[in-house]
Protein backbone atom coordinates (compact mmCIF):
# COMPACT_ATOMS: atom_id res chain seq x y z
CA MET A 1 57.19 72.81 112.09
CA ASP A 2 59.03 70.26 109.98
CA GLU A 3 61.49 68.46 112.25
CA LYS A 4 63.61 67.24 109.33
CA ASN A 5 64.93 70.78 108.84
CA ILE A 6 66.17 71.23 112.42
CA VAL A 7 69.82 72.24 112.50
CA TYR A 8 70.23 72.84 116.23
CA SER A 9 68.07 72.15 119.26
CA THR A 10 68.42 73.18 122.88
CA ASN A 11 66.13 70.34 123.92
CA THR A 12 68.30 67.80 125.75
CA ASN A 13 65.82 65.00 124.95
CA PHE A 14 65.83 65.70 121.21
CA ASN A 15 67.12 62.79 119.18
CA GLN A 16 67.72 63.34 115.46
CA SER A 17 67.50 59.59 114.80
CA SER A 18 63.89 59.49 116.09
CA ILE A 19 62.71 61.54 113.11
CA PRO A 20 61.29 59.28 110.39
CA THR A 21 63.61 59.34 107.38
CA SER A 22 61.39 57.60 104.86
CA LYS A 23 57.68 57.50 104.13
CA THR A 24 57.43 53.81 105.07
CA GLU A 25 59.07 54.44 108.44
CA TYR A 26 56.68 57.35 108.97
CA ILE A 27 53.65 55.17 108.15
CA GLU A 28 54.80 52.42 110.51
CA LYS A 29 54.81 54.87 113.45
CA GLN A 30 51.09 55.61 113.03
CA ASP A 31 48.68 53.66 115.21
CA PHE A 32 45.08 54.58 114.46
CA ARG A 33 41.94 53.82 116.46
CA ILE A 34 38.66 53.98 114.57
CA HIS A 35 35.68 54.98 116.73
CA LEU A 36 31.96 55.13 116.02
CA ILE A 37 30.13 57.98 117.75
CA ARG A 38 26.40 58.68 117.83
CA LEU A 39 25.58 62.39 118.03
CA ARG A 40 22.42 64.07 119.24
CA GLY A 41 19.65 63.60 116.76
CA GLY A 42 20.82 60.09 115.93
CA LYS A 43 23.57 61.06 113.48
CA ILE A 44 26.54 58.70 113.34
CA ILE A 45 30.14 59.70 112.65
CA THR A 46 33.35 57.72 112.30
CA VAL A 47 36.33 59.25 114.12
CA ILE A 48 39.95 58.26 113.43
CA ARG A 49 42.32 59.07 116.31
CA GLY A 50 45.96 58.45 117.11
CA TYR A 51 47.70 60.43 114.37
CA LYS A 52 51.28 61.52 115.04
CA GLY A 53 52.72 64.02 112.61
CA ASN A 54 52.09 67.31 110.90
CA MET A 55 48.61 68.57 110.12
CA LYS A 56 49.12 68.76 106.34
CA ASN A 57 49.62 65.00 106.11
CA LEU A 58 46.59 64.47 108.34
CA LYS A 59 44.44 66.67 106.08
CA ASP A 60 45.70 64.78 103.01
CA LEU A 61 44.82 61.45 104.63
CA GLY A 62 41.40 62.83 105.64
CA SER A 63 40.73 63.97 102.07
CA PHE A 64 41.74 60.55 100.74
CA LEU A 65 39.38 58.76 103.15
CA LYS A 66 36.47 61.13 102.41
CA LYS A 67 36.88 60.61 98.66
CA LYS A 68 37.06 56.82 98.99
CA CYS A 69 33.92 56.76 101.16
CA SER A 70 32.16 59.40 99.00
CA VAL A 71 31.03 61.37 102.06
CA GLY A 72 31.77 64.60 103.87
CA GLY A 73 33.83 65.14 106.96
CA THR A 74 36.52 67.28 108.50
CA THR A 75 39.95 67.20 110.08
CA LYS A 76 40.44 69.00 113.37
CA ASN A 77 42.12 68.59 116.76
CA GLY A 78 44.30 65.80 115.39
CA GLU A 79 41.28 63.69 114.40
CA ILE A 80 39.65 62.77 111.11
CA ILE A 81 35.85 62.89 111.29
CA ILE A 82 33.86 61.09 108.58
CA GLN A 83 30.06 61.34 108.30
CA GLY A 84 28.37 57.95 108.64
CA ASP A 85 29.41 54.46 109.71
CA PHE A 86 32.43 53.53 107.58
CA ARG A 87 34.60 51.81 110.20
CA GLU A 88 35.24 48.58 108.27
CA LYS A 89 35.90 50.37 104.97
CA ILE A 90 38.28 52.87 106.60
CA LEU A 91 40.07 50.06 108.45
CA LYS A 92 40.65 48.25 105.16
CA LEU A 93 41.82 51.44 103.41
CA LEU A 94 44.30 52.28 106.18
CA VAL A 95 45.68 48.74 106.40
CA ASP A 96 46.05 48.59 102.61
CA LYS A 97 48.10 51.81 102.76
CA GLY A 98 50.39 50.22 105.38
CA TYR A 99 49.08 51.93 108.53
CA GLN A 100 48.40 50.13 111.79
CA ALA A 101 44.72 50.52 112.65
CA LYS A 102 42.18 48.92 114.97
CA LEU A 103 38.46 49.25 115.55
CA SER A 104 37.67 50.76 118.92
CA GLY A 105 34.52 51.53 120.89
CA GLY A 106 30.90 51.55 119.73
């Protein structure tokens, strides 16, 4: 659901001013953690966690990262999964786009 189109809310904690009004404000609210995970069989994947927002934007970001790394992957459960070890490259791509991102784990 797109929160920008909300006209009335019964939620007493809802604050209209907390909704990002511009793309730059929306980007600044993201705080990604980039993990490296080794699966059974020795395969390595890079997992980006910490996304806050709607799933369409997450899928668009996942597609962008997969194209830039020239590999496969998926977007599910609020995470972007990229095949292979691309932590440093993804960190640079996210920071260049204005996101806050850090390497985490393995």
